[in-house]
Amino acid sequence: MMALALPSTRSNAASAGKARLHSCMGRFSSAWMIVAPTCDSLSLSNIEFQIAMRRRLGIATSFEGPDTHGHSSLTTNVGGRLNARHTCWNVAWRQVFSEAGGQVPDRNWERMLSRTHIRVPPGDTRRLDLVVPGLNVARGLPLFCDGTVLNPLTGTGQARPSTSNVGGRLLVQANCREQQYIPRGCFIWLGGFV
């Protein structure tokens, strides 16, 4: 960790390498590697898996252009890539919840919070990625799910605040923010790293 902080000699110095390692050390950070690919929505192609592993190890994902590590490509929406990534994330979670016995019909996909049983002010435009009733958890309440993909590094390749020195800090911060999103009901934040 000290070597990754160079040229600074401070142990708490912000460092992209340290942030990347700490994100790998966070709770459940390796779970994406052990999912059983029982269907197309839960599987990765060879190139997708190779890029995911290269990003985790800090190896260049491309050898052309100024962004060899792909940091800025994860923050721009050229060609709708942010929407595509978000949709893939939600499709995979929809499959997981369906296999667990929940029901996720099309009307519960990207559903407006105002169209649920939760009372909200008129004009509230908050949206839930998945609403999953029918699971035997949380006393049978429907799960309100928000799928978010995080990266401990910014589009310029710099470490985000607090991610260089605490494992899983970015997920903890995002989870705290999302818990305030819906004050009542059973809310699950489906967070993960790229």
C-alpha atoms as a PDB file:
ATOM      1  CA  MET A   1       0.000   0.000   0.000  1.00  0.00           C
ATOM      2  CA  MET A   2       2.882   2.379   0.794  1.00  0.00           C
ATOM      3  CA  ALA A   3       4.443   1.729  -2.605  1.00  0.00           C
ATOM      4  CA  LEU A   4       1.147   2.457  -4.352  1.00  0.00           C
ATOM      5  CA  ALA A   5       0.928   5.825  -2.580  1.00  0.00           C
ATOM      6  CA  LEU A   6       4.197   7.035  -4.164  1.00  0.00           C
ATOM      7  CA  PRO A   7       5.370   9.690  -4.931  1.00  0.00           C
ATOM      8  CA  SER A   8       3.714  10.635  -1.624  1.00  0.00           C
ATOM      9  CA  THR A   9       5.138   8.971   1.491  1.00  0.00           C
ATOM     10  CA  ARG A  10       1.967   9.442   3.580  1.00  0.00           C
ATOM     11  CA  SER A  11       0.156   6.213   4.423  1.00  0.00           C
ATOM     12  CA  ASN A  12      -3.222   7.909   3.914  1.00  0.00           C
ATOM     13  CA  ALA A  13      -2.338   9.450   0.544  1.00  0.00           C
ATOM     14  CA  ALA A  14      -4.996   9.166  -2.151  1.00  0.00           C
ATOM     15  CA  SER A  15      -3.959   6.703  -4.847  1.00  0.00           C
ATOM     16  CA  ALA A  16      -5.771   5.074  -7.751  1.00  0.00           C
ATOM     17  CA  GLY A  17      -3.931   1.799  -7.133  1.00  0.00           C
ATOM     18  CA  LYS A  18      -4.882   1.747  -3.463  1.00  0.00           C
ATOM     19  CA  ALA A  19      -8.510   2.603  -4.283  1.00  0.00           C
ATOM     20  CA  ARG A  20      -8.622  -0.261  -6.779  1.00  0.00           C
ATOM     21  CA  LEU A  21      -7.199  -2.738  -4.246  1.00  0.00           C
ATOM     22  CA  HIS A  22      -9.518  -1.556  -1.474  1.00  0.00           C
ATOM     23  CA  SER A  23     -12.516  -1.974  -3.766  1.00  0.00           C
ATOM     24  CA  CYS A  24     -11.437  -5.599  -4.267  1.00  0.00           C
ATOM     25  CA  MET A  25     -11.205  -6.069  -0.481  1.00  0.00           C
ATOM     26  CA  GLY A  26     -14.729  -4.826   0.245  1.00  0.00           C
ATOM     27  CA  ARG A  27     -17.503  -7.099   1.461  1.00  0.00           C
ATOM     28  CA  PHE A  28     -18.921  -9.346  -1.306  1.00  0.00           C
ATOM     29  CA  SER A  29     -16.670  -7.658  -3.886  1.00  0.00           C
ATOM     30  CA  SER A  30     -15.813 -10.968  -5.538  1.00  0.00           C
ATOM     31  CA  ALA A  31     -19.396 -12.259  -5.727  1.00  0.00           C
ATOM     32  CA  TRP A  32     -19.699 -11.328  -9.411  1.00  0.00           C
ATOM     33  CA  MET A  33     -17.126 -14.006 -10.247  1.00  0.00           C
ATOM     34  CA  ILE A  34     -19.035 -16.889  -8.653  1.00  0.00           C
ATOM     35  CA  VAL A  35     -22.491 -16.419 -10.195  1.00  0.00           C
ATOM     36  CA  ALA A  36     -23.675 -19.564 -11.944  1.00  0.00           C
ATOM     37  CA  PRO A  37     -24.360 -18.599 -15.585  1.00  0.00           C
ATOM     38  CA  THR A  38     -27.664 -20.469 -15.854  1.00  0.00           C
ATOM     39  CA  CYS A  39     -28.970 -18.200 -18.616  1.00  0.00           C
ATOM     40  CA  ASP A  40     -27.748 -15.586 -21.095  1.00  0.00           C
ATOM     41  CA  SER A  41     -28.511 -12.656 -18.767  1.00  0.00           C
ATOM     42  CA  LEU A  42     -26.188 -14.100 -16.092  1.00  0.00           C
ATOM     43  CA  SER A  43     -23.262 -14.920 -18.365  1.00  0.00           C
ATOM     44  CA  LEU A  44     -20.289 -12.931 -19.620  1.00  0.00           C
ATOM     45  CA  SER A  45     -18.682 -13.280 -23.012  1.00  0.00           C
ATOM     46  CA  ASN A  46     -14.938 -13.959 -23.106  1.00  0.00           C
ATOM     47  CA  ILE A  47     -14.147 -10.348 -24.010  1.00  0.00           C
ATOM     48  CA  GLU A  48     -16.436  -8.983 -21.240  1.00  0.00           C
ATOM     49  CA  PHE A  49     -14.798 -11.224 -18.651  1.00  0.00           C
ATOM     50  CA  GLN A  50     -11.327 -10.312 -19.908  1.00  0.00           C
ATOM     51  CA  ILE A  51     -12.059  -6.578 -19.661  1.00  0.00           C
ATOM     52  CA  ALA A  52     -13.583  -7.015 -16.184  1.00  0.00           C
ATOM     53  CA  MET A  53     -10.479  -8.867 -14.971  1.00  0.00           C
ATOM     54  CA  ARG A  54      -8.134  -6.323 -16.555  1.00  0.00           C
ATOM     55  CA  ARG A  55      -9.969  -3.475 -14.830  1.00  0.00           C
ATOM     56  CA  ARG A  56      -9.739  -5.282 -11.485  1.00  0.00           C
ATOM     57  CA  LEU A  57      -6.005  -5.897 -11.931  1.00  0.00           C
ATOM     58  CA  GLY A  58      -5.264  -2.396 -13.255  1.00  0.00           C
ATOM     59  CA  ILE A  59      -4.102  -3.652 -16.657  1.00  0.00           C
ATOM     60  CA  ALA A  60      -4.822  -1.620 -19.789  1.00  0.00           C
ATOM     61  CA  THR A  61      -8.050  -2.627 -21.540  1.00  0.00           C
ATOM     62  CA  SER A  62      -7.207  -0.907 -24.830  1.00  0.00           C
ATOM     63  CA  PHE A  63      -4.007   0.015 -26.628  1.00  0.00           C
ATOM     64  CA  GLU A  64      -5.451   2.815 -28.733  1.00  0.00           C
ATOM     65  CA  GLY A  65      -6.124   6.421 -27.793  1.00  0.00           C
ATOM     66  CA  PRO A  66      -5.358   8.335 -24.613  1.00  0.00           C
ATOM     67  CA  ASP A  67      -7.686   6.293 -22.350  1.00  0.00           C
ATOM     68  CA  THR A  68      -5.957   2.909 -22.274  1.00  0.00           C
ATOM     69  CA  HIS A  69      -7.512   1.927 -18.921  1.00  0.00           C
ATOM     70  CA  GLY A  70     -11.026   2.928 -20.005  1.00  0.00           C
ATOM     71  CA  HIS A  71     -11.700   5.342 -17.117  1.00  0.00           C
ATOM     72  CA  SER A  72     -13.276   8.109 -19.187  1.00  0.00           C
ATOM     73  CA  SER A  73     -15.246   5.661 -21.323  1.00  0.00           C
ATOM     74  CA  LEU A  74     -17.108   4.570 -18.165  1.00  0.00           C
ATOM     75  CA  THR A  75     -18.266   8.118 -17.436  1.00  0.00           C
ATOM     76  CA  THR A  76     -19.447   9.239 -20.871  1.00  0.00           C
ATOM     77  CA  ASN A  77     -22.732   8.242 -22.449  1.00  0.00           C
ATOM     78  CA  VAL A  78     -21.510   8.111 -26.054  1.00  0.00           C
ATOM     79  CA  GLY A  79     -23.723   5.651 -27.896  1.00  0.00           C
ATOM     80  CA  GLY A  80     -25.873   5.246 -24.772  1.00  0.00           C
ATOM     81  CA  ARG A  81     -23.259   3.059 -23.056  1.00  0.00           C
ATOM     82  CA  LEU A  82     -24.307   4.135 -19.538  1.00  0.00           C
ATOM     83  CA  ASN A  83     -27.924   3.181 -20.246  1.00  0.00           C
ATOM     84  CA  ALA A  84     -26.837  -0.126 -21.789  1.00  0.00           C
ATOM     85  CA  ARG A  85     -24.701  -0.988 -18.754  1.00  0.00           C
ATOM     86  CA  HIS A  86     -27.556  -0.125 -16.406  1.00  0.00           C
ATOM     87  CA  THR A  87     -30.024  -2.222 -18.420  1.00  0.00           C
ATOM     88  CA  CYS A  88     -27.700  -5.263 -18.385  1.00  0.00           C
ATOM     89  CA  TRP A  89     -27.314  -4.911 -14.614  1.00  0.00           C
ATOM     90  CA  ASN A  90     -31.092  -4.833 -14.120  1.00  0.00           C
ATOM     91  CA  VAL A  91     -31.704  -7.781 -16.477  1.00  0.00           C
ATOM     92  CA  ALA A  92     -29.290  -9.918 -14.461  1.00  0.00           C
ATOM     93  CA  TRP A  93     -30.929  -8.975 -11.139  1.00  0.00           C
ATOM     94  CA  ARG A  94     -34.391  -9.571 -12.586  1.00  0.00           C
ATOM     95  CA  GLN A  95     -33.296 -13.105 -13.456  1.00  0.00           C
ATOM     96  CA  VAL A  96     -31.854 -13.656  -9.961  1.00  0.00           C
ATOM     97  CA  PHE A  97     -35.090 -12.502  -8.288  1.00  0.00           C
ATOM     98  CA  SER A  98     -37.211 -14.618 -10.644  1.00  0.00           C
ATOM     99  CA  GLU A  99     -35.166 -17.719  -9.805  1.00  0.00           C
ATOM    100  CA  ALA A 100     -35.602 -16.928  -6.099  1.00  0.00           C
ATOM    101  CA  GLY A 101     -39.391 -17.040  -6.490  1.00  0.00           C
ATOM    102  CA  GLY A 102     -40.186 -13.353  -6.886  1.00  0.00           C
ATOM    103  CA  GLN A 103     -42.320 -11.863  -9.613  1.00  0.00           C
ATOM    104  CA  VAL A 104     -40.940  -9.060 -11.751  1.00  0.00           C
ATOM    105  CA  PRO A 105     -43.525  -8.365 -14.472  1.00  0.00           C
ATOM    106  CA  ASP A 106     -42.850  -5.643 -17.017  1.00  0.00           C
ATOM    107  CA  ARG A 107     -44.953  -3.144 -15.041  1.00  0.00           C
ATOM    108  CA  ASN A 108     -42.472  -3.512 -12.133  1.00  0.00           C
ATOM    109  CA  TRP A 109     -39.486  -2.698 -14.340  1.00  0.00           C
ATOM    110  CA  GLU A 110     -38.341   0.935 -13.980  1.00  0.00           C
ATOM    111  CA  ARG A 111     -41.533   1.806 -12.135  1.00  0.00           C
ATOM    112  CA  MET A 112     -42.298   5.266 -10.790  1.00  0.00           C
ATOM    113  CA  LEU A 113     -42.392   5.464  -6.983  1.00  0.00           C
ATOM    114  CA  SER A 114     -45.634   7.461  -7.245  1.00  0.00           C
ATOM    115  CA  ARG A 115     -47.268   4.386  -8.839  1.00  0.00           C
ATOM    116  CA  THR A 116     -46.653   2.170  -5.788  1.00  0.00           C
ATOM    117  CA  HIS A 117     -48.446   2.001  -2.421  1.00  0.00           C
ATOM    118  CA  ILE A 118     -45.939   4.480  -0.919  1.00  0.00           C
ATOM    119  CA  ARG A 119     -47.382   7.967  -0.461  1.00  0.00           C
ATOM    120  CA  VAL A 120     -45.237  10.633  -2.060  1.00  0.00           C
ATOM    121  CA  PRO A 121     -45.821  14.302  -2.873  1.00  0.00           C
ATOM    122  CA  PRO A 122     -47.548  15.068  -6.184  1.00  0.00           C
ATOM    123  CA  GLY A 123     -45.060  15.431  -9.007  1.00  0.00           C
ATOM    124  CA  ASP A 124     -42.503  13.088  -7.400  1.00  0.00           C
ATOM    125  CA  THR A 125     -40.430  11.745 -10.305  1.00  0.00           C
ATOM    126  CA  ARG A 126     -38.325   9.174  -8.464  1.00  0.00           C
ATOM    127  CA  ARG A 127     -38.048   5.831 -10.206  1.00  0.00           C
ATOM    128  CA  LEU A 128     -37.364   2.295  -8.986  1.00  0.00           C
ATOM    129  CA  ASP A 129     -35.444  -0.065 -11.216  1.00  0.00           C
ATOM    130  CA  LEU A 130     -37.211  -3.194  -9.976  1.00  0.00           C
ATOM    131  CA  VAL A 131     -40.173  -3.821  -7.679  1.00  0.00           C
ATOM    132  CA  VAL A 132     -40.177  -7.467  -6.544  1.00  0.00           C
ATOM    133  CA  PRO A 133     -43.199  -8.866  -4.672  1.00  0.00           C
ATOM    134  CA  GLY A 134     -43.637 -12.517  -3.789  1.00  0.00           C
ATOM    135  CA  LEU A 135     -40.370 -13.242  -1.981  1.00  0.00           C
ATOM    136  CA  ASN A 136     -40.412 -14.805   1.465  1.00  0.00           C
ATOM    137  CA  VAL A 137     -38.307 -12.015   3.036  1.00  0.00           C
ATOM    138  CA  ALA A 138     -39.051  -8.822   4.993  1.00  0.00           C
ATOM    139  CA  ARG A 139     -42.451 -10.129   6.175  1.00  0.00           C
ATOM    140  CA  GLY A 140     -43.579 -10.490   2.551  1.00  0.00           C
ATOM    141  CA  LEU A 141     -43.180  -6.807   1.709  1.00  0.00           C
ATOM    142  CA  PRO A 142     -42.253  -6.057  -1.898  1.00  0.00           C
ATOM    143  CA  LEU A 143     -38.610  -5.198  -2.434  1.00  0.00           C
ATOM    144  CA  PHE A 144     -37.901  -1.794  -3.975  1.00  0.00           C
ATOM    145  CA  CYS A 145     -34.621  -2.125  -5.844  1.00  0.00           C
ATOM    146  CA  ASP A 146     -32.247   0.407  -7.310  1.00  0.00           C
ATOM    147  CA  GLY A 147     -29.456  -0.961  -9.477  1.00  0.00           C
ATOM    148  CA  THR A 148     -26.305   1.145  -9.498  1.00  0.00           C
ATOM    149  CA  VAL A 149     -22.825   0.395 -10.820  1.00  0.00           C
ATOM    150  CA  LEU A 150     -19.978   2.179  -9.034  1.00  0.00           C
ATOM    151  CA  ASN A 151     -16.337   2.752  -9.781  1.00  0.00           C
ATOM    152  CA  PRO A 152     -13.781   3.801  -7.126  1.00  0.00           C
ATOM    153  CA  LEU A 153     -11.950   5.790  -9.812  1.00  0.00           C
ATOM    154  CA  THR A 154     -13.181   8.900 -11.595  1.00  0.00           C
ATOM    155  CA  GLY A 155     -13.209   9.387 -15.345  1.00  0.00           C
ATOM    156  CA  THR A 156      -9.705  10.864 -15.081  1.00  0.00           C
ATOM    157  CA  GLY A 157      -8.396   7.784 -13.240  1.00  0.00           C
ATOM    158  CA  GLN A 158      -8.173   9.504  -9.828  1.00  0.00           C
ATOM    159  CA  ALA A 159      -9.358   7.858  -6.616  1.00  0.00           C
ATOM    160  CA  ARG A 160     -12.731   8.957  -5.275  1.00  0.00           C
ATOM    161  CA  PRO A 161     -12.731  10.428  -1.728  1.00  0.00           C
ATOM    162  CA  SER A 162     -12.150   7.903   1.102  1.00  0.00           C
ATOM    163  CA  THR A 163     -11.663   4.964  -1.287  1.00  0.00           C
ATOM    164  CA  SER A 164      -7.860   4.809  -0.951  1.00  0.00           C
ATOM    165  CA  ASN A 165      -7.718   3.813   2.689  1.00  0.00           C
ATOM    166  CA  VAL A 166     -10.872   1.898   3.619  1.00  0.00           C
ATOM    167  CA  GLY A 167     -12.042  -1.322   1.975  1.00  0.00           C
ATOM    168  CA  GLY A 168     -15.557  -1.116   0.512  1.00  0.00           C
ATOM    169  CA  ARG A 169     -15.968   2.546   1.510  1.00  0.00           C
ATOM    170  CA  LEU A 170     -17.651   3.569  -1.752  1.00  0.00           C
ATOM    171  CA  LEU A 171     -20.352   0.909  -1.363  1.00  0.00           C
ATOM    172  CA  VAL A 172     -20.990   1.960   2.244  1.00  0.00           C
ATOM    173  CA  GLN A 173     -21.341   5.623   1.256  1.00  0.00           C
ATOM    174  CA  ALA A 174     -23.661   4.808  -1.646  1.00  0.00           C
ATOM    175  CA  ASN A 175     -25.767   2.501   0.522  1.00  0.00           C
ATOM    176  CA  CYS A 176     -26.228   5.256   3.128  1.00  0.00           C
ATOM    177  CA  ARG A 177     -27.349   7.677   0.407  1.00  0.00           C
ATOM    178  CA  GLU A 178     -29.772   5.150  -1.071  1.00  0.00           C
ATOM    179  CA  GLN A 179     -31.321   4.300   2.319  1.00  0.00           C
ATOM    180  CA  GLN A 180     -32.529   7.916   2.437  1.00  0.00           C
ATOM    181  CA  TYR A 181     -34.039   7.542  -1.036  1.00  0.00           C
ATOM    182  CA  ILE A 182     -37.181   5.783   0.199  1.00  0.00           C
ATOM    183  CA  PRO A 183     -37.968   6.479   3.862  1.00  0.00           C
ATOM    184  CA  ARG A 184     -40.385   3.568   4.332  1.00  0.00           C
ATOM    185  CA  GLY A 185     -40.842   0.132   2.865  1.00  0.00           C
ATOM    186  CA  CYS A 186     -38.292  -2.519   2.130  1.00  0.00           C
ATOM    187  CA  PHE A 187     -35.577  -1.016  -0.052  1.00  0.00           C
ATOM    188  CA  ILE A 188     -32.598  -2.852  -1.543  1.00  0.00           C
ATOM    189  CA  TRP A 189     -29.737  -1.174  -3.286  1.00  0.00           C
ATOM    190  CA  LEU A 190     -28.225  -3.487  -5.912  1.00  0.00           C
ATOM    191  CA  GLY A 191     -24.776  -1.961  -5.980  1.00  0.00           C
ATOM    192  CA  GLY A 192     -21.598  -3.272  -7.518  1.00  0.00           C
ATOM    193  CA  PHE A 193     -18.254  -2.283  -8.983  1.00  0.00           C
ATOM    194  CA  VAL A 194     -16.912  -2.124 -12.503  1.00  0.00           C
END
